[in-house]
Amino acid sequence: MTNLNKLYALYDISRSSAQEALKDLLINHLPKEYTNKVIKKLEQEGVIVDSQTIRNTKAGLIKNILIFNSIIEIAKEHKTLSNRLKKNLLKTKNETEK
């Protein structure tokens, strides 16, 4: 379970706009398989990490800026893909209505 208040304090996120952006990314856009994606992303950078450490970082139990940043990057990528899908579906819907 993600404790947003812990994350805000750990990573010094005090602006409400930044807090809302983080909340949106972690709650609405982080894919279910995020641990595997973070592991693969960090392996490409030569960093070995396990899924429990990733989950603990997301939960705010430990502070690891490298892992946390990777989690956010994965969520942002997923958000971009999700928005692209919505746009494509809307475009398809509009084309079929013509």
C-alpha atoms as a PDB file:
ATOM      1  CA  MET A   1       0.000   0.000   0.000  1.00  0.00           C
ATOM      2  CA  THR A   2       1.342   3.386  -0.947  1.00  0.00           C
ATOM      3  CA  ASN A   3       1.538   5.915   1.857  1.00  0.00           C
ATOM      4  CA  LEU A   4       1.535   9.171  -0.062  1.00  0.00           C
ATOM      5  CA  ASN A   5       2.235  11.311   2.999  1.00  0.00           C
ATOM      6  CA  LYS A   6       5.374   9.285   3.723  1.00  0.00           C
ATOM      7  CA  LEU A   7       6.499   9.695   0.134  1.00  0.00           C
ATOM      8  CA  TYR A   8       5.868  13.442   0.208  1.00  0.00           C
ATOM      9  CA  ALA A   9       8.014  13.722   3.335  1.00  0.00           C
ATOM     10  CA  LEU A  10      10.754  11.322   2.199  1.00  0.00           C
ATOM     11  CA  TYR A  11      11.275  13.025  -1.135  1.00  0.00           C
ATOM     12  CA  ASP A  12      10.484  16.572   0.041  1.00  0.00           C
ATOM     13  CA  ILE A  13       7.437  17.034  -2.168  1.00  0.00           C
ATOM     14  CA  SER A  14       5.724  20.025  -0.626  1.00  0.00           C
ATOM     15  CA  ARG A  15       3.995  21.758  -3.531  1.00  0.00           C
ATOM     16  CA  SER A  16       0.393  20.640  -3.837  1.00  0.00           C
ATOM     17  CA  SER A  17       0.620  20.458  -7.633  1.00  0.00           C
ATOM     18  CA  ALA A  18       3.573  18.072  -7.368  1.00  0.00           C
ATOM     19  CA  GLN A  19       1.726  16.027  -4.757  1.00  0.00           C
ATOM     20  CA  GLU A  20      -1.320  15.747  -7.020  1.00  0.00           C
ATOM     21  CA  ALA A  21       0.843  14.752  -9.984  1.00  0.00           C
ATOM     22  CA  LEU A  22       2.574  12.065  -7.928  1.00  0.00           C
ATOM     23  CA  LYS A  23      -0.734  10.794  -6.566  1.00  0.00           C
ATOM     24  CA  ASP A  24      -2.185  10.591 -10.077  1.00  0.00           C
ATOM     25  CA  LEU A  25       0.824   8.709 -11.419  1.00  0.00           C
ATOM     26  CA  LEU A  26       1.026   6.193  -8.589  1.00  0.00           C
ATOM     27  CA  ILE A  27      -2.682   5.531  -8.214  1.00  0.00           C
ATOM     28  CA  ASN A  28      -3.977   5.817 -11.766  1.00  0.00           C
ATOM     29  CA  HIS A  29      -1.081   5.051 -14.078  1.00  0.00           C
ATOM     30  CA  LEU A  30       1.366   2.672 -12.454  1.00  0.00           C
ATOM     31  CA  PRO A  31       0.859  -0.684 -14.168  1.00  0.00           C
ATOM     32  CA  LYS A  32       0.280  -3.821 -12.157  1.00  0.00           C
ATOM     33  CA  GLU A  33       3.569  -5.301 -13.373  1.00  0.00           C
ATOM     34  CA  TYR A  34       5.590  -2.221 -12.394  1.00  0.00           C
ATOM     35  CA  THR A  35       8.132  -4.136 -10.306  1.00  0.00           C
ATOM     36  CA  ASN A  36       9.221  -6.218 -13.282  1.00  0.00           C
ATOM     37  CA  LYS A  37       9.433  -3.128 -15.477  1.00  0.00           C
ATOM     38  CA  VAL A  38      11.535  -1.281 -12.893  1.00  0.00           C
ATOM     39  CA  ILE A  39      13.856  -4.278 -12.520  1.00  0.00           C
ATOM     40  CA  LYS A  40      14.397  -4.408 -16.291  1.00  0.00           C
ATOM     41  CA  LYS A  41      14.874  -0.641 -16.515  1.00  0.00           C
ATOM     42  CA  LEU A  42      17.470  -0.612 -13.755  1.00  0.00           C
ATOM     43  CA  GLU A  43      19.240  -3.703 -15.114  1.00  0.00           C
ATOM     44  CA  GLN A  44      19.875  -1.745 -18.311  1.00  0.00           C
ATOM     45  CA  GLU A  45      21.671   0.806 -16.141  1.00  0.00           C
ATOM     46  CA  GLY A  46      23.684  -1.912 -14.407  1.00  0.00           C
ATOM     47  CA  VAL A  47      21.693  -1.777 -11.169  1.00  0.00           C
ATOM     48  CA  ILE A  48      20.448  -5.009  -9.629  1.00  0.00           C
ATOM     49  CA  VAL A  49      17.380  -4.694  -7.425  1.00  0.00           C
ATOM     50  CA  ASP A  50      14.681  -7.064  -6.210  1.00  0.00           C
ATOM     51  CA  SER A  51      10.923  -6.620  -6.339  1.00  0.00           C
ATOM     52  CA  GLN A  52      10.567  -6.338  -2.553  1.00  0.00           C
ATOM     53  CA  THR A  53      12.916  -3.357  -2.460  1.00  0.00           C
ATOM     54  CA  ILE A  54      10.902  -1.729  -5.231  1.00  0.00           C
ATOM     55  CA  ARG A  55       7.621  -2.301  -3.390  1.00  0.00           C
ATOM     56  CA  ASN A  56       9.133  -1.003  -0.132  1.00  0.00           C
ATOM     57  CA  THR A  57      10.351   2.106  -1.946  1.00  0.00           C
ATOM     58  CA  LYS A  58       6.901   2.731  -3.416  1.00  0.00           C
ATOM     59  CA  ALA A  59       5.315   2.208  -0.002  1.00  0.00           C
ATOM     60  CA  GLY A  60       7.648   4.752   1.567  1.00  0.00           C
ATOM     61  CA  LEU A  61       9.261   2.198   3.864  1.00  0.00           C
ATOM     62  CA  ILE A  62      12.714   2.888   2.453  1.00  0.00           C
ATOM     63  CA  LYS A  63      14.175   5.816   0.567  1.00  0.00           C
ATOM     64  CA  ASN A  64      15.922   5.116  -2.704  1.00  0.00           C
ATOM     65  CA  ILE A  65      15.837   7.976  -5.179  1.00  0.00           C
ATOM     66  CA  LEU A  66      17.050   5.830  -8.076  1.00  0.00           C
ATOM     67  CA  ILE A  67      14.282   3.268  -7.634  1.00  0.00           C
ATOM     68  CA  PHE A  68      11.639   5.894  -6.901  1.00  0.00           C
ATOM     69  CA  ASN A  69      12.573   7.818 -10.026  1.00  0.00           C
ATOM     70  CA  SER A  70      12.305   4.629 -12.093  1.00  0.00           C
ATOM     71  CA  ILE A  71       8.857   3.935 -10.639  1.00  0.00           C
ATOM     72  CA  ILE A  72       7.740   7.430 -11.637  1.00  0.00           C
ATOM     73  CA  GLU A  73       9.219   7.044 -15.127  1.00  0.00           C
ATOM     74  CA  ILE A  74       7.351   3.759 -15.627  1.00  0.00           C
ATOM     75  CA  ALA A  75       4.111   5.397 -14.487  1.00  0.00           C
ATOM     76  CA  LYS A  76       4.659   8.339 -16.850  1.00  0.00           C
ATOM     77  CA  GLU A  77       5.319   5.982 -19.762  1.00  0.00           C
ATOM     78  CA  HIS A  78       2.156   4.048 -18.952  1.00  0.00           C
ATOM     79  CA  LYS A  79       0.167   7.287 -18.701  1.00  0.00           C
ATOM     80  CA  THR A  80       1.413   8.342 -22.136  1.00  0.00           C
ATOM     81  CA  LEU A  81       0.422   4.979 -23.609  1.00  0.00           C
ATOM     82  CA  SER A  82      -2.959   5.132 -21.918  1.00  0.00           C
ATOM     83  CA  ASN A  83      -3.619   8.630 -23.238  1.00  0.00           C
ATOM     84  CA  ARG A  84      -2.570   7.555 -26.732  1.00  0.00           C
ATOM     85  CA  LEU A  85      -4.988   4.623 -26.548  1.00  0.00           C
ATOM     86  CA  LYS A  86      -7.837   6.906 -25.463  1.00  0.00           C
ATOM     87  CA  LYS A  87      -7.034   9.293 -28.300  1.00  0.00           C
ATOM     88  CA  ASN A  88      -6.983   6.445 -30.831  1.00  0.00           C
ATOM     89  CA  LEU A  89     -10.255   5.051 -29.555  1.00  0.00           C
ATOM     90  CA  LEU A  90     -11.891   8.460 -29.724  1.00  0.00           C
ATOM     91  CA  LYS A  91     -10.554   8.942 -33.241  1.00  0.00           C
ATOM     92  CA  THR A  92     -11.881   5.524 -34.265  1.00  0.00           C
ATOM     93  CA  LYS A  93     -15.260   6.281 -32.725  1.00  0.00           C
ATOM     94  CA  ASN A  94     -15.481   9.595 -34.579  1.00  0.00           C
ATOM     95  CA  GLU A  95     -14.509   7.936 -37.863  1.00  0.00           C
ATOM     96  CA  THR A  96     -17.172   5.253 -37.526  1.00  0.00           C
ATOM     97  CA  GLU A  97     -19.849   7.833 -36.759  1.00  0.00           C
ATOM     98  CA  LYS A  98     -19.257   9.662 -40.044  1.00  0.00           C
END
